[in-house]
N, C-alpha and C. Protein backbone atom coordinates (compact mmCIF):
# COMPACT_ATOMS: atom_id res chain seq x y z
N MET A 1 87.07 134.12 192.75
CA MET A 1 88.11 133.10 192.78
C MET A 1 89.48 133.75 192.67
N LYS A 2 90.34 133.54 193.65
CA LYS A 2 91.66 134.13 193.65
C LYS A 2 92.58 133.33 192.73
N ILE A 3 93.32 134.06 191.91
CA ILE A 3 94.26 133.44 190.98
C ILE A 3 95.66 133.86 191.39
N SER A 4 96.52 132.91 191.60
CA SER A 4 97.88 133.19 192.04
C SER A 4 98.75 133.62 190.87
N ILE A 5 99.95 134.07 191.21
CA ILE A 5 100.89 134.50 190.17
C ILE A 5 101.31 133.30 189.31
N ALA A 6 101.47 132.12 189.95
CA ALA A 6 101.83 130.92 189.18
C ALA A 6 100.76 130.57 188.17
N ALA A 7 99.49 130.73 188.58
CA ALA A 7 98.40 130.45 187.65
C ALA A 7 98.40 131.43 186.49
N ILE A 8 98.69 132.70 186.75
CA ILE A 8 98.73 133.70 185.68
C ILE A 8 99.82 133.36 184.67
N PHE A 9 101.01 133.03 185.17
CA PHE A 9 102.11 132.69 184.27
C PHE A 9 101.81 131.41 183.48
N ALA A 10 101.22 130.41 184.15
CA ALA A 10 100.92 129.15 183.47
C ALA A 10 99.88 129.34 182.38
N ILE A 11 98.81 130.09 182.69
CA ILE A 11 97.75 130.33 181.71
C ILE A 11 98.29 131.16 180.54
N ALA A 12 99.09 132.19 180.85
CA ALA A 12 99.64 133.03 179.78
C ALA A 12 100.57 132.23 178.87
N ALA A 13 101.43 131.40 179.46
CA ALA A 13 102.33 130.59 178.64
C ALA A 13 101.56 129.60 177.78
N GLY A 14 100.54 128.97 178.35
CA GLY A 14 99.74 128.03 177.57
C GLY A 14 99.01 128.70 176.42
N LEU A 15 98.46 129.89 176.68
CA LEU A 15 97.74 130.62 175.61
C LEU A 15 98.69 131.07 174.52
N ILE A 16 99.89 131.51 174.89
CA ILE A 16 100.86 131.94 173.87
C ILE A 16 101.26 130.77 172.98
N VAL A 17 101.53 129.62 173.59
CA VAL A 17 101.91 128.44 172.80
C VAL A 17 100.76 128.00 171.90
N LEU A 18 99.53 128.02 172.44
CA LEU A 18 98.36 127.61 171.66
C LEU A 18 98.12 128.57 170.50
N ILE A 19 98.16 129.87 170.76
CA ILE A 19 97.94 130.85 169.69
C ILE A 19 99.06 130.78 168.66
N GLY A 20 100.28 130.58 169.13
CA GLY A 20 101.40 130.46 168.19
C GLY A 20 101.31 129.22 167.32
N PHE A 21 100.66 128.18 167.84
CA PHE A 21 100.46 126.97 167.04
C PHE A 21 99.36 127.17 166.00
N VAL A 22 98.31 127.91 166.38
CA VAL A 22 97.19 128.13 165.46
C VAL A 22 97.53 129.21 164.44
N TYR A 23 98.12 130.30 164.93
CA TYR A 23 98.51 131.41 164.06
C TYR A 23 100.03 131.55 164.11
N PRO A 24 100.74 130.93 163.17
CA PRO A 24 102.22 130.92 163.23
C PRO A 24 102.86 132.26 162.87
N LEU A 25 102.63 133.25 163.72
CA LEU A 25 103.30 134.54 163.54
C LEU A 25 104.75 134.42 164.00
N PRO A 26 105.66 135.15 163.39
CA PRO A 26 107.08 135.00 163.74
C PRO A 26 107.37 135.23 165.22
N VAL A 27 106.77 136.29 165.79
CA VAL A 27 107.03 136.59 167.20
C VAL A 27 106.49 135.49 168.11
N LEU A 28 105.25 135.08 167.86
CA LEU A 28 104.64 134.02 168.69
C LEU A 28 105.37 132.70 168.52
N THR A 29 105.80 132.40 167.29
CA THR A 29 106.53 131.15 167.05
C THR A 29 107.84 131.13 167.82
N GLU A 30 108.54 132.27 167.84
CA GLU A 30 109.81 132.33 168.56
C GLU A 30 109.60 132.18 170.06
N ILE A 31 108.59 132.88 170.59
CA ILE A 31 108.31 132.77 172.03
C ILE A 31 107.86 131.36 172.38
N SER A 32 107.02 130.76 171.54
CA SER A 32 106.56 129.39 171.79
C SER A 32 107.73 128.41 171.79
N THR A 33 108.69 128.63 170.88
CA THR A 33 109.87 127.76 170.84
C THR A 33 110.66 127.85 172.14
N TYR A 34 110.81 129.08 172.68
CA TYR A 34 111.50 129.23 173.96
C TYR A 34 110.75 128.53 175.08
N PHE A 35 109.44 128.69 175.12
CA PHE A 35 108.65 128.05 176.17
C PHE A 35 108.75 126.52 176.09
N LEU A 36 108.66 125.99 174.86
CA LEU A 36 108.77 124.54 174.71
C LEU A 36 110.16 124.03 175.08
N SER A 37 111.19 124.81 174.77
CA SER A 37 112.54 124.42 175.17
C SER A 37 112.68 124.39 176.68
N TRP A 38 112.10 125.41 177.34
CA TRP A 38 112.13 125.41 178.81
C TRP A 38 111.34 124.23 179.37
N ALA A 39 110.22 123.90 178.74
CA ALA A 39 109.42 122.77 179.21
C ALA A 39 110.20 121.46 179.10
N VAL A 40 110.96 121.32 178.02
CA VAL A 40 111.78 120.11 177.86
C VAL A 40 112.83 120.03 178.96
N VAL A 41 113.45 121.16 179.28
CA VAL A 41 114.46 121.17 180.35
C VAL A 41 113.83 120.84 181.70
N VAL A 42 112.67 121.44 181.97
CA VAL A 42 111.99 121.17 183.24
C VAL A 42 111.57 119.70 183.33
N ALA A 43 111.08 119.15 182.20
CA ALA A 43 110.70 117.74 182.20
C ALA A 43 111.91 116.84 182.43
N GLY A 44 113.06 117.20 181.84
CA GLY A 44 114.28 116.42 182.06
C GLY A 44 114.72 116.47 183.51
N VAL A 45 114.66 117.66 184.13
CA VAL A 45 115.04 117.78 185.54
C VAL A 45 114.06 117.01 186.43
N ALA A 46 112.75 117.08 186.09
CA ALA A 46 111.76 116.32 186.87
C ALA A 46 112.01 114.82 186.76
N THR A 47 112.38 114.36 185.57
CA THR A 47 112.72 112.93 185.41
C THR A 47 113.93 112.56 186.24
N LEU A 48 114.95 113.43 186.24
CA LEU A 48 116.15 113.17 187.04
C LEU A 48 115.81 113.11 188.53
N VAL A 49 114.96 114.03 188.99
CA VAL A 49 114.54 114.02 190.40
C VAL A 49 113.78 112.73 190.73
N GLY A 50 112.92 112.31 189.79
CA GLY A 50 112.19 111.06 189.99
C GLY A 50 113.12 109.86 190.07
N ILE A 51 114.15 109.83 189.23
CA ILE A 51 115.11 108.72 189.27
C ILE A 51 115.88 108.71 190.59
N ILE A 52 116.31 109.89 191.03
CA ILE A 52 117.03 109.98 192.30
C ILE A 52 116.13 109.52 193.46
N ASN A 53 114.88 109.93 193.44
CA ASN A 53 113.95 109.50 194.48
C ASN A 53 113.74 107.98 194.44
N LEU A 54 113.62 107.42 193.22
CA LEU A 54 113.45 105.97 193.08
C LEU A 54 114.65 105.22 193.64
N ILE A 55 115.86 105.70 193.32
CA ILE A 55 117.07 105.05 193.84
C ILE A 55 117.13 105.16 195.36
N GLY A 56 116.76 106.35 195.89
CA GLY A 56 116.78 106.53 197.34
C GLY A 56 115.80 105.60 198.04
N VAL A 57 114.62 105.42 197.47
CA VAL A 57 113.63 104.52 198.07
C VAL A 57 114.14 103.09 198.08
N HIS A 58 114.70 102.65 196.96
CA HIS A 58 115.16 101.26 196.88
C HIS A 58 116.46 101.03 197.66
N LEU A 59 117.22 102.08 197.93
CA LEU A 59 118.39 101.92 198.79
C LEU A 59 118.00 101.66 200.24
N ARG A 60 116.85 102.17 200.65
CA ARG A 60 116.40 101.98 202.04
C ARG A 60 115.66 100.67 202.25
N LYS A 61 115.08 100.13 201.19
CA LYS A 61 114.25 98.93 201.37
C LYS A 61 115.00 97.72 201.90
N PRO A 62 116.22 97.40 201.44
CA PRO A 62 116.87 96.18 201.96
C PRO A 62 117.27 96.27 203.43
N PHE A 63 117.33 97.49 204.00
CA PHE A 63 117.80 97.66 205.38
C PHE A 63 116.66 97.93 206.35
N ARG A 64 115.42 97.77 205.91
CA ARG A 64 114.30 97.95 206.81
C ARG A 64 114.17 96.75 207.75
N HIS A 65 113.62 97.00 208.92
CA HIS A 65 113.44 95.91 209.88
C HIS A 65 112.28 95.01 209.48
N GLN A 66 111.30 95.56 208.80
CA GLN A 66 110.13 94.78 208.38
C GLN A 66 109.93 94.96 206.87
N ASN A 67 109.37 93.90 206.28
CA ASN A 67 109.04 93.92 204.85
C ASN A 67 110.24 94.32 203.99
N ARG A 68 111.34 93.64 204.22
CA ARG A 68 112.53 93.92 203.41
C ARG A 68 112.32 93.44 201.97
N ASP A 69 112.81 94.22 201.05
CA ASP A 69 112.69 93.89 199.63
C ASP A 69 114.09 93.61 199.09
N PHE A 70 114.36 92.32 198.83
CA PHE A 70 115.69 91.94 198.35
C PHE A 70 115.83 92.06 196.84
N TYR A 71 114.76 92.48 196.17
CA TYR A 71 114.86 92.75 194.73
C TYR A 71 115.37 94.16 194.45
N SER A 72 115.36 95.01 195.46
CA SER A 72 115.82 96.38 195.27
C SER A 72 117.29 96.46 194.86
N PRO A 73 118.21 95.67 195.48
CA PRO A 73 119.60 95.71 194.99
C PRO A 73 119.73 95.29 193.53
N VAL A 74 118.88 94.36 193.08
CA VAL A 74 118.93 93.95 191.68
C VAL A 74 118.53 95.12 190.77
N LEU A 75 117.49 95.84 191.18
CA LEU A 75 117.06 97.00 190.40
C LEU A 75 118.14 98.07 190.35
N ILE A 76 118.76 98.36 191.50
CA ILE A 76 119.79 99.40 191.55
C ILE A 76 121.00 99.00 190.71
N ALA A 77 121.44 97.73 190.85
CA ALA A 77 122.59 97.26 190.08
C ALA A 77 122.29 97.30 188.58
N SER A 78 121.10 96.87 188.19
CA SER A 78 120.72 96.90 186.77
C SER A 78 120.70 98.32 186.24
N PHE A 79 120.19 99.25 187.05
CA PHE A 79 120.13 100.64 186.62
C PHE A 79 121.52 101.21 186.37
N PHE A 80 122.42 101.01 187.32
CA PHE A 80 123.76 101.59 187.17
C PHE A 80 124.57 100.90 186.08
N ILE A 81 124.39 99.59 185.92
CA ILE A 81 125.08 98.89 184.83
C ILE A 81 124.61 99.41 183.48
N THR A 82 123.29 99.57 183.33
CA THR A 82 122.75 100.10 182.08
C THR A 82 123.20 101.53 181.85
N LEU A 83 123.24 102.34 182.92
CA LEU A 83 123.66 103.73 182.79
C LEU A 83 125.12 103.83 182.35
N VAL A 84 125.99 103.05 182.98
CA VAL A 84 127.43 103.12 182.65
C VAL A 84 127.67 102.63 181.22
N ILE A 85 127.06 101.50 180.87
CA ILE A 85 127.26 100.97 179.51
C ILE A 85 126.65 101.91 178.47
N GLY A 86 125.50 102.51 178.80
CA GLY A 86 124.88 103.45 177.87
C GLY A 86 125.72 104.70 177.66
N LEU A 87 126.34 105.21 178.74
CA LEU A 87 127.22 106.37 178.59
C LEU A 87 128.50 106.03 177.86
N TRP A 88 128.94 104.79 178.00
CA TRP A 88 130.19 104.38 177.36
C TRP A 88 129.98 104.10 175.87
N LEU A 89 128.96 103.31 175.55
CA LEU A 89 128.72 102.95 174.15
C LEU A 89 127.83 103.96 173.42
N THR A 90 127.09 104.78 174.19
CA THR A 90 126.05 105.70 173.68
C THR A 90 124.83 104.91 173.23
N PRO A 91 123.63 105.48 173.39
CA PRO A 91 122.40 104.76 173.00
C PRO A 91 122.31 104.45 171.52
N ALA A 92 123.12 105.09 170.67
CA ALA A 92 123.06 104.83 169.24
C ALA A 92 123.79 103.54 168.84
N ASP A 93 124.51 102.92 169.78
CA ASP A 93 125.24 101.70 169.46
C ASP A 93 124.28 100.54 169.20
N LYS A 94 124.50 99.81 168.11
CA LYS A 94 123.60 98.73 167.72
C LYS A 94 123.60 97.58 168.73
N SER A 95 124.77 97.25 169.26
CA SER A 95 124.84 96.16 170.23
C SER A 95 124.09 96.52 171.51
N PHE A 96 124.26 97.77 171.95
CA PHE A 96 123.56 98.21 173.15
C PHE A 96 122.05 98.20 172.93
N GLN A 97 121.59 98.66 171.78
CA GLN A 97 120.17 98.64 171.46
C GLN A 97 119.64 97.21 171.42
N HIS A 98 120.42 96.29 170.87
CA HIS A 98 119.98 94.90 170.78
C HIS A 98 119.83 94.28 172.16
N VAL A 99 120.78 94.55 173.06
CA VAL A 99 120.71 93.98 174.41
C VAL A 99 119.51 94.55 175.16
N VAL A 100 119.32 95.88 175.08
CA VAL A 100 118.21 96.51 175.79
C VAL A 100 116.87 96.00 175.24
N THR A 101 116.77 95.89 173.92
CA THR A 101 115.52 95.41 173.32
C THR A 101 115.25 93.96 173.69
N SER A 102 116.31 93.14 173.74
CA SER A 102 116.14 91.72 174.09
C SER A 102 115.65 91.55 175.52
N ILE A 103 115.93 92.52 176.38
CA ILE A 103 115.45 92.45 177.76
C ILE A 103 114.10 93.13 177.90
N GLN A 104 113.94 94.28 177.25
CA GLN A 104 112.74 95.08 177.43
C GLN A 104 111.50 94.44 176.81
N VAL A 105 111.65 93.88 175.61
CA VAL A 105 110.50 93.30 174.92
C VAL A 105 109.91 92.11 175.70
N PRO A 106 110.72 91.14 176.17
CA PRO A 106 110.12 90.06 176.97
C PRO A 106 109.45 90.55 178.25
N VAL A 107 110.05 91.58 178.89
CA VAL A 107 109.44 92.11 180.12
C VAL A 107 108.09 92.74 179.80
N GLU A 108 108.02 93.55 178.74
CA GLU A 108 106.75 94.16 178.36
C GLU A 108 105.72 93.12 177.96
N THR A 109 106.17 92.07 177.27
CA THR A 109 105.25 90.99 176.90
C THR A 109 104.69 90.29 178.13
N SER A 110 105.56 90.06 179.11
CA SER A 110 105.10 89.42 180.35
C SER A 110 104.09 90.30 181.09
N LEU A 111 104.35 91.61 181.11
CA LEU A 111 103.41 92.52 181.77
C LEU A 111 102.06 92.54 181.05
N LEU A 112 102.08 92.50 179.72
CA LEU A 112 100.83 92.44 178.97
C LEU A 112 100.09 91.13 179.24
N ALA A 113 100.84 90.04 179.38
CA ALA A 113 100.20 88.76 179.70
C ALA A 113 99.54 88.81 181.08
N ILE A 114 100.24 89.40 182.05
CA ILE A 114 99.65 89.55 183.39
C ILE A 114 98.41 90.44 183.33
N LEU A 115 98.48 91.51 182.54
CA LEU A 115 97.33 92.39 182.39
C LEU A 115 96.14 91.65 181.78
N SER A 116 96.40 90.79 180.80
CA SER A 116 95.32 90.02 180.18
C SER A 116 94.66 89.09 181.18
N ILE A 117 95.48 88.40 182.00
CA ILE A 117 94.92 87.50 183.01
C ILE A 117 94.12 88.29 184.05
N THR A 118 94.62 89.47 184.42
CA THR A 118 93.91 90.31 185.39
C THR A 118 92.56 90.75 184.84
N LEU A 119 92.54 91.18 183.58
CA LEU A 119 91.28 91.58 182.96
C LEU A 119 90.31 90.41 182.85
N LEU A 120 90.84 89.23 182.54
CA LEU A 120 89.98 88.05 182.46
C LEU A 120 89.37 87.73 183.81
N ALA A 121 90.18 87.82 184.85
CA ALA A 121 89.65 87.58 186.20
C ALA A 121 88.60 88.62 186.58
N ALA A 122 88.81 89.88 186.17
CA ALA A 122 87.83 90.93 186.46
C ALA A 122 86.51 90.67 185.73
N VAL A 123 86.60 90.18 184.48
CA VAL A 123 85.38 89.89 183.72
C VAL A 123 84.62 88.74 184.37
N VAL A 124 85.33 87.70 184.78
CA VAL A 124 84.68 86.57 185.45
C VAL A 124 84.00 87.02 186.73
N LYS A 125 84.66 87.91 187.48
CA LYS A 125 84.07 88.43 188.72
C LYS A 125 82.83 89.25 188.41
N LEU A 126 82.86 90.03 187.34
CA LEU A 126 81.69 90.82 186.96
C LEU A 126 80.51 89.92 186.59
N PHE A 127 80.77 88.82 185.88
CA PHE A 127 79.69 87.90 185.52
C PHE A 127 79.10 87.23 186.74
N ARG A 128 79.91 87.01 187.77
CA ARG A 128 79.37 86.41 188.98
C ARG A 128 78.51 87.41 189.75
N MET A 129 78.88 88.68 189.70
CA MET A 129 78.16 89.69 190.46
C MET A 129 76.87 90.10 189.77
N ARG A 130 76.93 90.30 188.46
CA ARG A 130 75.75 90.76 187.73
C ARG A 130 75.85 90.34 186.28
N LYS A 131 74.71 90.29 185.62
CA LYS A 131 74.66 89.91 184.22
C LYS A 131 73.83 90.95 183.46
N GLY A 132 74.21 91.13 182.20
CA GLY A 132 73.49 92.12 181.40
C GLY A 132 74.00 92.12 179.98
N LEU A 133 73.34 92.91 179.16
CA LEU A 133 73.69 92.97 177.74
C LEU A 133 75.09 93.54 177.54
N MET A 134 75.48 94.55 178.34
CA MET A 134 76.79 95.17 178.17
C MET A 134 77.91 94.19 178.48
N LEU A 135 77.71 93.35 179.48
CA LEU A 135 78.75 92.37 179.81
C LEU A 135 78.92 91.35 178.70
N TRP A 136 77.79 90.88 178.14
CA TRP A 136 77.89 89.93 177.04
C TRP A 136 78.51 90.59 175.81
N SER A 137 78.20 91.84 175.58
CA SER A 137 78.81 92.55 174.45
C SER A 137 80.31 92.68 174.64
N PHE A 138 80.71 92.99 175.89
CA PHE A 138 82.14 93.09 176.17
C PHE A 138 82.83 91.75 175.99
N LEU A 139 82.20 90.66 176.46
CA LEU A 139 82.81 89.34 176.35
C LEU A 139 82.95 88.93 174.89
N ILE A 140 81.91 89.14 174.08
CA ILE A 140 81.97 88.76 172.67
C ILE A 140 83.02 89.58 171.93
N SER A 141 83.05 90.88 172.21
CA SER A 141 84.05 91.73 171.54
C SER A 141 85.47 91.35 171.95
N ALA A 142 85.66 90.98 173.23
CA ALA A 142 86.99 90.57 173.68
C ALA A 142 87.44 89.29 173.00
N VAL A 143 86.51 88.31 172.87
CA VAL A 143 86.85 87.06 172.19
C VAL A 143 87.19 87.32 170.72
N LEU A 144 86.39 88.15 170.06
CA LEU A 144 86.67 88.48 168.66
C LEU A 144 88.00 89.20 168.51
N PHE A 145 88.29 90.08 169.44
CA PHE A 145 89.57 90.80 169.39
C PHE A 145 90.74 89.84 169.54
N ILE A 146 90.62 88.88 170.44
CA ILE A 146 91.70 87.90 170.63
C ILE A 146 91.89 87.06 169.38
N ILE A 147 90.78 86.63 168.78
CA ILE A 147 90.88 85.79 167.58
C ILE A 147 91.48 86.55 166.42
N PHE A 148 91.00 87.78 166.20
CA PHE A 148 91.50 88.56 165.07
C PHE A 148 92.93 89.03 165.30
N GLY A 149 93.24 89.40 166.53
CA GLY A 149 94.58 89.90 166.80
C GLY A 149 95.65 88.83 166.85
N SER A 150 95.27 87.58 167.10
CA SER A 150 96.25 86.50 167.19
C SER A 150 96.70 85.99 165.83
N GLY A 151 96.00 86.37 164.77
CA GLY A 151 96.37 85.88 163.44
C GLY A 151 95.89 84.48 163.15
N MET A 152 94.94 83.97 163.91
CA MET A 152 94.45 82.60 163.71
C MET A 152 93.69 82.44 162.40
N LEU A 153 93.14 83.55 161.88
CA LEU A 153 92.34 83.47 160.67
C LEU A 153 93.13 83.77 159.41
N VAL A 154 94.45 83.92 159.53
CA VAL A 154 95.24 84.22 158.35
C VAL A 154 95.25 83.05 157.38
N ILE A 155 95.42 81.84 157.90
CA ILE A 155 95.45 80.66 157.02
C ILE A 155 94.07 80.45 156.40
N VAL A 156 93.03 80.69 157.18
CA VAL A 156 91.69 80.50 156.65
C VAL A 156 91.37 81.52 155.57
N SER A 157 91.83 82.75 155.80
CA SER A 157 91.48 83.81 154.87
C SER A 157 92.17 83.68 153.52
N ASP A 158 93.25 82.92 153.44
CA ASP A 158 93.96 82.78 152.17
C ASP A 158 93.15 81.97 151.16
N ARG A 159 92.43 80.97 151.59
CA ARG A 159 91.75 80.07 150.67
C ARG A 159 90.23 80.06 150.85
N SER A 160 89.75 80.91 151.70
CA SER A 160 88.31 80.91 151.98
C SER A 160 87.61 81.95 151.11
N PRO A 161 86.39 81.65 150.63
CA PRO A 161 85.63 82.66 149.89
C PRO A 161 85.18 83.81 150.78
N LEU A 162 85.28 83.63 152.07
CA LEU A 162 84.90 84.70 153.00
C LEU A 162 86.08 85.59 153.38
N SER A 163 87.12 85.58 152.53
CA SER A 163 88.33 86.34 152.87
C SER A 163 88.05 87.83 153.01
N ASN A 164 87.15 88.35 152.16
CA ASN A 164 86.83 89.78 152.25
C ASN A 164 86.16 90.12 153.57
N TRP A 165 85.24 89.24 154.00
CA TRP A 165 84.57 89.47 155.28
C TRP A 165 85.56 89.38 156.44
N ILE A 166 86.45 88.41 156.38
CA ILE A 166 87.44 88.26 157.45
C ILE A 166 88.37 89.45 157.49
N ALA A 167 88.79 89.94 156.29
CA ALA A 167 89.64 91.12 156.25
C ALA A 167 88.92 92.34 156.82
N TYR A 168 87.61 92.41 156.55
CA TYR A 168 86.82 93.53 157.09
C TYR A 168 86.71 93.43 158.61
N LEU A 169 86.51 92.23 159.13
CA LEU A 169 86.40 92.05 160.58
C LEU A 169 87.72 92.33 161.29
N ASN A 170 88.83 92.11 160.58
CA ASN A 170 90.13 92.40 161.18
C ASN A 170 90.34 93.89 161.42
N ILE A 171 89.53 94.71 160.76
CA ILE A 171 89.65 96.16 160.95
C ILE A 171 89.04 96.60 162.27
N ILE A 172 88.13 95.79 162.83
CA ILE A 172 87.42 96.18 164.05
C ILE A 172 88.38 96.46 165.21
N PRO A 173 89.36 95.57 165.51
CA PRO A 173 90.28 95.91 166.61
C PRO A 173 91.06 97.19 166.35
N LEU A 174 91.44 97.42 165.08
CA LEU A 174 92.16 98.65 164.77
C LEU A 174 91.29 99.88 165.00
N ALA A 175 90.01 99.76 164.62
CA ALA A 175 89.08 100.87 164.86
C ALA A 175 88.91 101.13 166.35
N GLY A 176 88.83 100.06 167.13
CA GLY A 176 88.73 100.23 168.58
C GLY A 176 89.95 100.90 169.18
N ALA A 177 91.15 100.50 168.70
CA ALA A 177 92.38 101.14 169.19
C ALA A 177 92.41 102.62 168.85
N ARG A 178 91.95 102.96 167.63
CA ARG A 178 91.91 104.37 167.25
C ARG A 178 90.90 105.13 168.09
N GLY A 179 89.79 104.47 168.43
CA GLY A 179 88.82 105.12 169.30
C GLY A 179 89.40 105.42 170.67
N ILE A 180 90.19 104.48 171.20
CA ILE A 180 90.84 104.71 172.48
C ILE A 180 91.80 105.89 172.40
N LEU A 181 92.58 105.96 171.30
CA LEU A 181 93.52 107.06 171.13
C LEU A 181 92.79 108.40 171.02
N ILE A 182 91.64 108.39 170.31
CA ILE A 182 90.86 109.62 170.22
C ILE A 182 90.34 110.02 171.60
N GLY A 183 89.89 109.04 172.39
CA GLY A 183 89.45 109.34 173.75
C GLY A 183 90.56 109.92 174.60
N VAL A 184 91.78 109.35 174.48
CA VAL A 184 92.93 109.89 175.22
C VAL A 184 93.23 111.32 174.78
N ALA A 185 93.16 111.56 173.46
CA ALA A 185 93.42 112.90 172.95
C ALA A 185 92.39 113.90 173.46
N LEU A 186 91.11 113.51 173.46
CA LEU A 186 90.06 114.41 173.97
C LEU A 186 90.23 114.67 175.47
N GLY A 187 90.59 113.61 176.21
CA GLY A 187 90.83 113.80 177.64
C GLY A 187 92.00 114.74 177.90
N SER A 188 93.07 114.60 177.11
CA SER A 188 94.22 115.51 177.26
C SER A 188 93.83 116.94 176.89
N LEU A 189 92.99 117.07 175.84
CA LEU A 189 92.53 118.40 175.44
C LEU A 189 91.71 119.06 176.55
N MET A 190 90.79 118.30 177.14
CA MET A 190 89.97 118.86 178.21
C MET A 190 90.82 119.23 179.43
N THR A 191 91.82 118.39 179.73
CA THR A 191 92.71 118.72 180.85
C THR A 191 93.48 120.00 180.57
N GLY A 192 93.97 120.14 179.32
CA GLY A 192 94.68 121.37 178.96
C GLY A 192 93.79 122.59 179.03
N LEU A 193 92.54 122.46 178.58
CA LEU A 193 91.62 123.59 178.65
C LEU A 193 91.30 123.98 180.09
N ARG A 194 91.16 122.97 180.96
CA ARG A 194 90.89 123.27 182.37
C ARG A 194 92.09 123.99 183.00
N LEU A 195 93.30 123.62 182.57
CA LEU A 195 94.48 124.32 183.07
C LEU A 195 94.55 125.74 182.54
N LEU A 196 94.20 125.92 181.25
CA LEU A 196 94.24 127.25 180.66
C LEU A 196 93.22 128.19 181.30
N PHE A 197 92.04 127.66 181.63
CA PHE A 197 91.00 128.49 182.23
C PHE A 197 91.16 128.61 183.75
N GLY A 198 92.14 127.93 184.31
CA GLY A 198 92.38 128.05 185.74
C GLY A 198 91.51 127.20 186.61
N SER A 199 90.73 126.27 186.03
CA SER A 199 89.89 125.40 186.85
C SER A 199 90.72 124.42 187.66
N ASP A 200 91.78 123.88 187.05
CA ASP A 200 92.73 123.02 187.75
C ASP A 200 94.06 123.77 187.84
N ARG A 201 94.63 123.80 189.05
CA ARG A 201 95.90 124.50 189.24
C ARG A 201 96.85 123.62 190.05
N PRO A 202 97.41 122.60 189.43
CA PRO A 202 98.35 121.74 190.17
C PRO A 202 99.65 122.44 190.50
N TYR A 203 99.96 123.53 189.80
CA TYR A 203 101.21 124.25 190.04
C TYR A 203 101.17 125.11 191.29
N ASP A 204 99.98 125.23 191.93
CA ASP A 204 99.90 126.01 193.17
C ASP A 204 100.39 125.22 194.38
N GLY A 205 100.67 123.91 194.18
CA GLY A 205 101.15 123.10 195.29
C GLY A 205 100.01 122.69 196.20
């Protein structure tokens, strides 16, 4: 298997950062700090390139002959207004943070609501296609998660003798969320190991 120069540099940098994290020797710590600083700069430049590409794409959409998107000017105007006000007031300004939060939170809530409806439609479609124990387990767990996460049992748990059981059941969604985070962490770890061993080389282009 041929290994390119980019792969050698990427694997060496990853191993140095990993060893410096496990064994905090002064030399390795200093080199790891430099590598992480460069990574932050590269990530910032990549984000800037992505933003420029996004603006370029949306600048072309309103002038296409077919499938024109008239929401693109709204996105561009909102971006530049937010950018100018953010540079003027700085992101640390309380008023600026309040305005951004007042817009961002409802948008994120709406997206989560759409995601919930989409998942519900997918579950209904799965029940029409096939039935089994796993589907019923998923449906029951989803209903329990909705009930426990909505806070509907808070009033009941205050005066009910089953308050301890209800409090224990409320831990189940939290345990599931932690399991998902552990799965994400393990997936990221495996991806990093594959990059370190050269199995995946996205930097070769």
